[in-house]
Amino acid sequence: MSVSPSVVQYEFIGLETTVVKSSNPDVVGLSGKVVDETRNTLTILQDNTEKVIVKDTSVFEFVLPDKTVVEIDGKVIMGRPEDRLKRRPKRLW
């Protein structure tokens, strides 16, 4: 699969993710499955505990269903998931 700007319109719930960068050093390296998404946060299930990560200050690495790994800045995926589908994606590279 080629990665396109529309990757920010994907559903992230159920995907494996890792926090690559964050202004909060306690969450860097945190990985697990995304179990919930709100306008400003992602909830990650790690070792049967849920961790809430702020999107705005973090960079995430997602593993897509076809095993493609993409790195996405949390600022790009800010907003409610259903509204993100309506926005036209901007090419960032």
PDB file of N, CA and C in Angstrom:
ATOM      1  N   MET A   1       0.847  -1.183   0.000  1.00  0.00           N
ATOM      2  CA  MET A   1       0.000   0.000   0.000  1.00  0.00           C
ATOM      3  C   MET A   1       0.883   1.233   0.000  1.00  0.00           C
ATOM      4  N   SER A   2       0.610   2.168  -0.869  1.00  0.00           N
ATOM      5  CA  SER A   2       1.356   3.415  -0.832  1.00  0.00           C
ATOM      6  C   SER A   2       0.660   4.342   0.164  1.00  0.00           C
ATOM      7  N   VAL A   3       1.464   5.059   0.899  1.00  0.00           N
ATOM      8  CA  VAL A   3       0.919   5.941   1.923  1.00  0.00           C
ATOM      9  C   VAL A   3       0.597   7.278   1.286  1.00  0.00           C
ATOM     10  N   SER A   4      -0.631   7.724   1.488  1.00  0.00           N
ATOM     11  CA  SER A   4      -1.077   8.984   0.914  1.00  0.00           C
ATOM     12  C   SER A   4      -1.520   9.907   2.040  1.00  0.00           C
ATOM     13  N   PRO A   5      -1.751  11.170   1.736  1.00  0.00           N
ATOM     14  CA  PRO A   5      -2.230  12.090   2.770  1.00  0.00           C
ATOM     15  C   PRO A   5      -3.564  11.664   3.389  1.00  0.00           C
ATOM     16  N   SER A   6      -4.310  10.816   2.709  1.00  0.00           N
ATOM     17  CA  SER A   6      -5.607  10.393   3.238  1.00  0.00           C
ATOM     18  C   SER A   6      -5.462   9.434   4.420  1.00  0.00           C
ATOM     19  N   VAL A   7      -4.237   9.067   4.770  1.00  0.00           N
ATOM     20  CA  VAL A   7      -4.032   8.165   5.904  1.00  0.00           C
ATOM     21  C   VAL A   7      -4.548   8.796   7.192  1.00  0.00           C
ATOM     22  N   VAL A   8      -4.601  10.115   7.266  1.00  0.00           N
ATOM     23  CA  VAL A   8      -5.122  10.771   8.471  1.00  0.00           C
ATOM     24  C   VAL A   8      -6.630  10.610   8.588  1.00  0.00           C
ATOM     25  N   GLN A   9      -7.285  10.139   7.547  1.00  0.00           N
ATOM     26  CA  GLN A   9      -8.722   9.909   7.598  1.00  0.00           C
ATOM     27  C   GLN A   9      -9.054   8.489   8.045  1.00  0.00           C
ATOM     28  N   TYR A  10      -8.065   7.659   8.262  1.00  0.00           N
ATOM     29  CA  TYR A  10      -8.294   6.278   8.673  1.00  0.00           C
ATOM     30  C   TYR A  10      -8.882   6.206  10.070  1.00  0.00           C
ATOM     31  N   GLU A  11      -9.484   5.096  10.360  1.00  0.00           N
ATOM     32  CA  GLU A  11      -9.965   4.787  11.706  1.00  0.00           C
ATOM     33  C   GLU A  11      -8.784   4.215  12.482  1.00  0.00           C
ATOM     34  N   PHE A  12      -8.420   4.830  13.588  1.00  0.00           N
ATOM     35  CA  PHE A  12      -7.256   4.404  14.349  1.00  0.00           C
ATOM     36  C   PHE A  12      -7.596   3.411  15.450  1.00  0.00           C
ATOM     37  N   ILE A  13      -8.857   3.318  15.833  1.00  0.00           N
ATOM     38  CA  ILE A  13      -9.248   2.377  16.881  1.00  0.00           C
ATOM     39  C   ILE A  13      -9.000   0.953  16.383  1.00  0.00           C
ATOM     40  N   GLY A  14      -8.265   0.189  17.188  1.00  0.00           N
ATOM     41  CA  GLY A  14      -7.930  -1.182  16.832  1.00  0.00           C
ATOM     42  C   GLY A  14      -6.540  -1.336  16.272  1.00  0.00           C
ATOM     43  N   LEU A  15      -5.884  -0.229  15.914  1.00  0.00           N
ATOM     44  CA  LEU A  15      -4.531  -0.303  15.369  1.00  0.00           C
ATOM     45  C   LEU A  15      -3.492  -0.321  16.486  1.00  0.00           C
ATOM     46  N   GLU A  16      -2.365  -0.968  16.210  1.00  0.00           N
ATOM     47  CA  GLU A  16      -1.234  -0.927  17.133  1.00  0.00           C
ATOM     48  C   GLU A  16      -0.525   0.406  16.933  1.00  0.00           C
ATOM     49  N   THR A  17      -0.096   1.020  18.045  1.00  0.00           N
ATOM     50  CA  THR A  17       0.579   2.308  17.961  1.00  0.00           C
ATOM     51  C   THR A  17       1.703   2.394  18.981  1.00  0.00           C
ATOM     52  N   THR A  18       2.652   3.276  18.691  1.00  0.00           N
ATOM     53  CA  THR A  18       3.745   3.588  19.599  1.00  0.00           C
ATOM     54  C   THR A  18       3.890   5.098  19.634  1.00  0.00           C
ATOM     55  N   VAL A  19       4.111   5.650  20.818  1.00  0.00           N
ATOM     56  CA  VAL A  19       4.362   7.084  20.943  1.00  0.00           C
ATOM     57  C   VAL A  19       5.850   7.293  20.691  1.00  0.00           C
ATOM     58  N   VAL A  20       6.170   7.982  19.590  1.00  0.00           N
ATOM     59  CA  VAL A  20       7.563   8.183  19.188  1.00  0.00           C
ATOM     60  C   VAL A  20       8.159   9.404  19.875  1.00  0.00           C
ATOM     61  N   LYS A  21       7.410  10.503  19.909  1.00  0.00           N
ATOM     62  CA  LYS A  21       7.863  11.746  20.538  1.00  0.00           C
ATOM     63  C   LYS A  21       6.699  12.331  21.323  1.00  0.00           C
ATOM     64  N   SER A  22       7.027  13.056  22.378  1.00  0.00           N
ATOM     65  CA  SER A  22       5.998  13.730  23.150  1.00  0.00           C
ATOM     66  C   SER A  22       6.653  14.761  24.050  1.00  0.00           C
ATOM     67  N   SER A  23       5.905  15.803  24.377  1.00  0.00           N
ATOM     68  CA  SER A  23       6.420  16.781  25.329  1.00  0.00           C
ATOM     69  C   SER A  23       6.396  16.200  26.740  1.00  0.00           C
ATOM     70  N   ASN A  24       5.644  15.125  26.953  1.00  0.00           N
ATOM     71  CA  ASN A  24       5.614  14.409  28.223  1.00  0.00           C
ATOM     72  C   ASN A  24       6.556  13.205  28.101  1.00  0.00           C
ATOM     73  N   PRO A  25       7.729  13.253  28.711  1.00  0.00           N
ATOM     74  CA  PRO A  25       8.695  12.161  28.555  1.00  0.00           C
ATOM     75  C   PRO A  25       8.220  10.829  29.129  1.00  0.00           C
ATOM     76  N   ASP A  26       7.210  10.841  29.983  1.00  0.00           N
ATOM     77  CA  ASP A  26       6.706   9.600  30.572  1.00  0.00           C
ATOM     78  C   ASP A  26       5.979   8.717  29.563  1.00  0.00           C
ATOM     79  N   VAL A  27       5.473   9.286  28.484  1.00  0.00           N
ATOM     80  CA  VAL A  27       4.694   8.493  27.525  1.00  0.00           C
ATOM     81  C   VAL A  27       5.493   8.092  26.288  1.00  0.00           C
ATOM     82  N   VAL A  28       6.707   8.610  26.123  1.00  0.00           N
ATOM     83  CA  VAL A  28       7.531   8.246  24.970  1.00  0.00           C
ATOM     84  C   VAL A  28       7.880   6.763  25.072  1.00  0.00           C
ATOM     85  N   GLY A  29       7.655   6.035  23.993  1.00  0.00           N
ATOM     86  CA  GLY A  29       7.914   4.606  23.970  1.00  0.00           C
ATOM     87  C   GLY A  29       6.715   3.762  24.355  1.00  0.00           C
ATOM     88  N   LEU A  30       5.653   4.393  24.803  1.00  0.00           N
ATOM     89  CA  LEU A  30       4.436   3.673  25.164  1.00  0.00           C
ATOM     90  C   LEU A  30       3.840   3.056  23.907  1.00  0.00           C
ATOM     91  N   SER A  31       3.483   1.785  23.971  1.00  0.00           N
ATOM     92  CA  SER A  31       2.901   1.145  22.792  1.00  0.00           C
ATOM     93  C   SER A  31       1.763   0.232  23.213  1.00  0.00           C
ATOM     94  N   GLY A  32       0.874  -0.009  22.292  1.00  0.00           N
ATOM     95  CA  GLY A  32      -0.277  -0.866  22.536  1.00  0.00           C
ATOM     96  C   GLY A  32      -1.336  -0.655  21.484  1.00  0.00           C
ATOM     97  N   LYS A  33      -2.520  -1.126  21.767  1.00  0.00           N
ATOM     98  CA  LYS A  33      -3.635  -1.033  20.830  1.00  0.00           C
ATOM     99  C   LYS A  33      -4.497   0.172  21.185  1.00  0.00           C
ATOM    100  N   VAL A  34      -4.905   0.927  20.166  1.00  0.00           N
ATOM    101  CA  VAL A  34      -5.789   2.075  20.370  1.00  0.00           C
ATOM    102  C   VAL A  34      -7.192   1.542  20.663  1.00  0.00           C
ATOM    103  N   VAL A  35      -7.740   1.916  21.821  1.00  0.00           N
ATOM    104  CA  VAL A  35      -9.071   1.438  22.195  1.00  0.00           C
ATOM    105  C   VAL A  35     -10.122   2.538  22.167  1.00  0.00           C
ATOM    106  N   ASP A  36      -9.688   3.802  22.158  1.00  0.00           N
ATOM    107  CA  ASP A  36     -10.643   4.905  22.115  1.00  0.00           C
ATOM    108  C   ASP A  36      -9.946   6.136  21.564  1.00  0.00           C
ATOM    109  N   GLU A  37     -10.730   6.994  20.947  1.00  0.00           N
ATOM    110  CA  GLU A  37     -10.205   8.244  20.403  1.00  0.00           C
ATOM    111  C   GLU A  37     -11.228   9.343  20.646  1.00  0.00           C
ATOM    112  N   THR A  38     -10.757  10.458  21.170  1.00  0.00           N
ATOM    113  CA  THR A  38     -11.600  11.625  21.336  1.00  0.00           C
ATOM    114  C   THR A  38     -11.006  12.752  20.513  1.00  0.00           C
ATOM    115  N   ARG A  39     -11.558  13.939  20.671  1.00  0.00           N
ATOM    116  CA  ARG A  39     -11.083  15.089  19.910  1.00  0.00           C
ATOM    117  C   ARG A  39      -9.611  15.383  20.191  1.00  0.00           C
ATOM    118  N   ASN A  40      -9.195  15.259  21.439  1.00  0.00           N
ATOM    119  CA  ASN A  40      -7.844  15.651  21.824  1.00  0.00           C
ATOM    120  C   ASN A  40      -6.950  14.516  22.304  1.00  0.00           C
ATOM    121  N   THR A  41      -7.489  13.299  22.450  1.00  0.00           N
ATOM    122  CA  THR A  41      -6.693  12.223  23.032  1.00  0.00           C
ATOM    123  C   THR A  41      -6.863  10.894  22.302  1.00  0.00           C
ATOM    124  N   LEU A  42      -5.866  10.037  22.493  1.00  0.00           N
ATOM    125  CA  LEU A  42      -5.952   8.636  22.104  1.00  0.00           C
ATOM    126  C   LEU A  42      -5.817   7.825  23.385  1.00  0.00           C
ATOM    127  N   THR A  43      -6.618   6.788  23.534  1.00  0.00           N
ATOM    128  CA  THR A  43      -6.495   5.887  24.673  1.00  0.00           C
ATOM    129  C   THR A  43      -5.875   4.598  24.173  1.00  0.00           C
ATOM    130  N   ILE A  44      -4.742   4.234  24.793  1.00  0.00           N
ATOM    131  CA  ILE A  44      -3.983   3.068  24.371  1.00  0.00           C
ATOM    132  C   ILE A  44      -4.046   2.015  25.464  1.00  0.00           C
ATOM    133  N   LEU A  45      -4.318   0.772  25.086  1.00  0.00           N
ATOM    134  CA  LEU A  45      -4.348  -0.340  26.023  1.00  0.00           C
ATOM    135  C   LEU A  45      -2.972  -0.991  26.031  1.00  0.00           C
ATOM    136  N   GLN A  46      -2.297  -0.912  27.185  1.00  0.00           N
ATOM    137  CA  GLN A  46      -0.970  -1.500  27.328  1.00  0.00           C
ATOM    138  C   GLN A  46      -0.957  -2.329  28.604  1.00  0.00           C
ATOM    139  N   ASP A  47      -0.710  -3.617  28.488  1.00  0.00           N
ATOM    140  CA  ASP A  47      -0.654  -4.523  29.637  1.00  0.00           C
ATOM    141  C   ASP A  47      -1.910  -4.418  30.503  1.00  0.00           C
ATOM    142  N   ASN A  48      -3.067  -4.448  29.859  1.00  0.00           N
ATOM    143  CA  ASN A  48      -4.372  -4.389  30.530  1.00  0.00           C
ATOM    144  C   ASN A  48      -4.619  -3.107  31.312  1.00  0.00           C
ATOM    145  N   THR A  49      -3.872  -2.060  31.023  1.00  0.00           N
ATOM    146  CA  THR A  49      -4.157  -0.746  31.604  1.00  0.00           C
ATOM    147  C   THR A  49      -4.306   0.249  30.471  1.00  0.00           C
ATOM    148  N   GLU A  50      -5.243   1.161  30.630  1.00  0.00           N
ATOM    149  CA  GLU A  50      -5.497   2.166  29.604  1.00  0.00           C
ATOM    150  C   GLU A  50      -4.704   3.429  29.914  1.00  0.00           C
ATOM    151  N   LYS A  51      -3.986   3.912  28.930  1.00  0.00           N
ATOM    152  CA  LYS A  51      -3.206   5.141  29.042  1.00  0.00           C
ATOM    153  C   LYS A  51      -3.803   6.158  28.084  1.00  0.00           C
ATOM    154  N   VAL A  52      -4.037   7.372  28.568  1.00  0.00           N
ATOM    155  CA  VAL A  52      -4.604   8.437  27.745  1.00  0.00           C
ATOM    156  C   VAL A  52      -3.464   9.350  27.315  1.00  0.00           C
ATOM    157  N   ILE A  53      -3.311   9.529  26.004  1.00  0.00           N
ATOM    158  CA  ILE A  53      -2.229  10.317  25.434  1.00  0.00           C
ATOM    159  C   ILE A  53      -2.820  11.525  24.722  1.00  0.00           C
ATOM    160  N   VAL A  54      -2.269  12.695  24.979  1.00  0.00           N
ATOM    161  CA  VAL A  54      -2.713  13.926  24.318  1.00  0.00           C
ATOM    162  C   VAL A  54      -2.166  13.931  22.894  1.00  0.00           C
ATOM    163  N   LYS A  55      -3.034  14.150  21.911  1.00  0.00           N
ATOM    164  CA  LYS A  55      -2.621  14.141  20.509  1.00  0.00           C
ATOM    165  C   LYS A  55      -1.733  15.330  20.156  1.00  0.00           C
ATOM    166  N   ASP A  56      -2.087  16.498  20.650  1.00  0.00           N
ATOM    167  CA  ASP A  56      -1.453  17.748  20.243  1.00  0.00           C
ATOM    168  C   ASP A  56       0.054  17.777  20.495  1.00  0.00           C
ATOM    169  N   THR A  57       0.521  17.099  21.525  1.00  0.00           N
ATOM    170  CA  THR A  57       1.925  17.186  21.908  1.00  0.00           C
ATOM    171  C   THR A  57       2.704  15.915  21.598  1.00  0.00           C
ATOM    172  N   SER A  58       2.140  15.024  20.788  1.00  0.00           N
ATOM    173  CA  SER A  58       2.766  13.729  20.549  1.00  0.00           C
ATOM    174  C   SER A  58       2.882  13.410  19.063  1.00  0.00           C
ATOM    175  N   VAL A  59       3.806  12.501  18.769  1.00  0.00           N
ATOM    176  CA  VAL A  59       3.953  11.937  17.425  1.00  0.00           C
ATOM    177  C   VAL A  59       3.766  10.433  17.575  1.00  0.00           C
ATOM    178  N   PHE A  60       2.900   9.856  16.751  1.00  0.00           N
ATOM    179  CA  PHE A  60       2.541   8.448  16.858  1.00  0.00           C
ATOM    180  C   PHE A  60       3.034   7.663  15.654  1.00  0.00           C
ATOM    181  N   GLU A  61       3.334   6.395  15.887  1.00  0.00           N
ATOM    182  CA  GLU A  61       3.688   5.467  14.822  1.00  0.00           C
ATOM    183  C   GLU A  61       2.595   4.400  14.809  1.00  0.00           C
ATOM    184  N   PHE A  62       1.855   4.314  13.723  1.00  0.00           N
ATOM    185  CA  PHE A  62       0.755   3.362  13.611  1.00  0.00           C
ATOM    186  C   PHE A  62       1.139   2.234  12.676  1.00  0.00           C
ATOM    187  N   VAL A  63       0.695   1.010  13.000  1.00  0.00           N
ATOM    188  CA  VAL A  63       0.869  -0.144  12.126  1.00  0.00           C
ATOM    189  C   VAL A  63      -0.479  -0.395  11.474  1.00  0.00           C
ATOM    190  N   LEU A  64      -0.565  -0.150  10.171  1.00  0.00           N
ATOM    191  CA  LEU A  64      -1.815  -0.318   9.428  1.00  0.00           C
ATOM    192  C   LEU A  64      -2.111  -1.798   9.226  1.00  0.00           C
ATOM    193  N   PRO A  65      -3.345  -2.162   8.860  1.00  0.00           N
ATOM    194  CA  PRO A  65      -3.706  -3.582   8.705  1.00  0.00           C
ATOM    195  C   PRO A  65      -2.821  -4.354   7.725  1.00  0.00           C
ATOM    196  N   ASP A  66      -2.245  -3.676   6.737  1.00  0.00           N
ATOM    197  CA  ASP A  66      -1.371  -4.376   5.789  1.00  0.00           C
ATOM    198  C   ASP A  66       0.090  -4.365   6.250  1.00  0.00           C
ATOM    199  N   LYS A  67       0.319  -4.063   7.533  1.00  0.00           N
ATOM    200  CA  LYS A  67       1.637  -4.047   8.186  1.00  0.00           C
ATOM    201  C   LYS A  67       2.521  -2.877   7.770  1.00  0.00           C
ATOM    202  N   THR A  68       1.959  -1.892   7.089  1.00  0.00           N
ATOM    203  CA  THR A  68       2.680  -0.671   6.773  1.00  0.00           C
ATOM    204  C   THR A  68       2.769   0.166   8.046  1.00  0.00           C
ATOM    205  N   VAL A  69       3.942   0.711   8.321  1.00  0.00           N
ATOM    206  CA  VAL A  69       4.142   1.543   9.498  1.00  0.00           C
ATOM    207  C   VAL A  69       4.207   2.998   9.045  1.00  0.00           C
ATOM    208  N   VAL A  70       3.356   3.842   9.647  1.00  0.00           N
ATOM    209  CA  VAL A  70       3.344   5.267   9.314  1.00  0.00           C
ATOM    210  C   VAL A  70       3.510   6.078  10.583  1.00  0.00           C
ATOM    211  N   GLU A  71       4.221   7.185  10.459  1.00  0.00           N
ATOM    212  CA  GLU A  71       4.415   8.101  11.575  1.00  0.00           C
ATOM    213  C   GLU A  71       3.566   9.328  11.326  1.00  0.00           C
ATOM    214  N   ILE A  72       2.729   9.675  12.308  1.00  0.00           N
ATOM    215  CA  ILE A  72       1.799  10.785  12.144  1.00  0.00           C
ATOM    216  C   ILE A  72       1.910  11.718  13.335  1.00  0.00           C
ATOM    217  N   ASP A  73       2.051  13.004  13.038  1.00  0.00           N
ATOM    218  CA  ASP A  73       2.065  14.013  14.092  1.00  0.00           C
ATOM    219  C   ASP A  73       0.646  14.154  14.633  1.00  0.00           C
ATOM    220  N   GLY A  74       0.517  14.194  15.933  1.00  0.00           N
ATOM    221  CA  GLY A  74      -0.790  14.283  16.560  1.00  0.00           C
ATOM    222  C   GLY A  74      -1.558  15.533  16.190  1.00  0.00           C
ATOM    223  N   LYS A  75      -0.844  16.609  15.850  1.00  0.00           N
ATOM    224  CA  LYS A  75      -1.522  17.850  15.452  1.00  0.00           C
ATOM    225  C   LYS A  75      -2.361  17.644  14.192  1.00  0.00           C
ATOM    226  N   VAL A  76      -1.917  16.740  13.332  1.00  0.00           N
ATOM    227  CA  VAL A  76      -2.616  16.487  12.070  1.00  0.00           C
ATOM    228  C   VAL A  76      -3.925  15.742  12.308  1.00  0.00           C
ATOM    229  N   ILE A  77      -3.986  14.928  13.349  1.00  0.00           N
ATOM    230  CA  ILE A  77      -5.186  14.135  13.600  1.00  0.00           C
ATOM    231  C   ILE A  77      -6.048  14.709  14.720  1.00  0.00           C
ATOM    232  N   MET A  78      -5.805  15.973  15.067  1.00  0.00           N
ATOM    233  CA  MET A  78      -6.635  16.640  16.072  1.00  0.00           C
ATOM    234  C   MET A  78      -8.064  16.751  15.558  1.00  0.00           C
ATOM    235  N   GLY A  79      -8.997  16.684  16.443  1.00  0.00           N
ATOM    236  CA  GLY A  79     -10.403  16.803  16.085  1.00  0.00           C
ATOM    237  C   GLY A  79     -11.122  15.484  16.267  1.00  0.00           C
ATOM    238  N   ARG A  80     -12.419  15.556  16.219  1.00  0.00           N
ATOM    239  CA  ARG A  80     -13.215  14.346  16.382  1.00  0.00           C
ATOM    240  C   ARG A  80     -13.007  13.427  15.187  1.00  0.00           C
ATOM    241  N   PRO A  81     -12.978  12.122  15.427  1.00  0.00           N
ATOM    242  CA  PRO A  81     -12.749  11.183  14.325  1.00  0.00           C
ATOM    243  C   PRO A  81     -13.746  11.338  13.186  1.00  0.00           C
ATOM    244  N   GLU A  82     -15.010  11.591  13.524  1.00  0.00           N
ATOM    245  CA  GLU A  82     -16.017  11.712  12.462  1.00  0.00           C
ATOM    246  C   GLU A  82     -15.843  12.996  11.652  1.00  0.00           C
ATOM    247  N   ASP A  83     -15.294  14.044  12.259  1.00  0.00           N
ATOM    248  CA  ASP A  83     -15.034  15.282  11.527  1.00  0.00           C
ATOM    249  C   ASP A  83     -13.790  15.161  10.660  1.00  0.00           C
ATOM    250  N   ARG A  84     -12.854  14.341  11.086  1.00  0.00           N
ATOM    251  CA  ARG A  84     -11.623  14.149  10.320  1.00  0.00           C
ATOM    252  C   ARG A  84     -11.930  13.529   8.956  1.00  0.00           C
ATOM    253  N   LEU A  85     -12.983  12.738   8.877  1.00  0.00           N
ATOM    254  CA  LEU A  85     -13.373  12.139   7.600  1.00  0.00           C
ATOM    255  C   LEU A  85     -13.855  13.174   6.609  1.00  0.00           C
ATOM    256  N   LYS A  86     -14.455  14.245   7.110  1.00  0.00           N
ATOM    257  CA  LYS A  86     -15.034  15.273   6.246  1.00  0.00           C
ATOM    258  C   LYS A  86     -13.991  16.243   5.707  1.00  0.00           C
ATOM    259  N   ARG A  87     -12.888  16.413   6.446  1.00  0.00           N
ATOM    260  CA  ARG A  87     -11.852  17.370   6.028  1.00  0.00           C
ATOM    261  C   ARG A  87     -11.076  16.842   4.841  1.00  0.00           C
ATOM    262  N   ARG A  88     -10.681  17.740   3.998  1.00  0.00           N
ATOM    263  CA  ARG A  88      -9.842  17.367   2.866  1.00  0.00           C
ATOM    264  C   ARG A  88      -8.393  17.338   3.366  1.00  0.00           C
ATOM    265  N   PRO A  89      -7.705  16.215   3.191  1.00  0.00           N
ATOM    266  CA  PRO A  89      -6.330  16.118   3.696  1.00  0.00           C
ATOM    267  C   PRO A  89      -5.372  17.001   2.910  1.00  0.00           C
ATOM    268  N   LYS A  90      -4.412  17.600   3.633  1.00  0.00           N
ATOM    269  CA  LYS A  90      -3.386  18.401   2.994  1.00  0.00           C
ATOM    270  C   LYS A  90      -2.133  17.570   2.845  1.00  0.00           C
ATOM    271  N   ARG A  91      -1.470  17.737   1.778  1.00  0.00           N
ATOM    272  CA  ARG A  91      -0.221  17.003   1.556  1.00  0.00           C
ATOM    273  C   ARG A  91       0.863  17.688   2.381  1.00  0.00           C
ATOM    274  N   LEU A  92       1.479  16.941   3.284  1.00  0.00           N
ATOM    275  CA  LEU A  92       2.458  17.498   4.203  1.00  0.00           C
ATOM    276  C   LEU A  92       3.897  17.165   3.822  1.00  0.00           C
ATOM    277  N   TRP A  93       4.080  16.434   2.733  1.00  0.00           N
ATOM    278  CA  TRP A  93       5.440  16.091   2.317  1.00  0.00           C
ATOM    279  C   TRP A  93       5.596  16.227   0.844  1.00  0.00           C
TER     280      TRP A  93
END
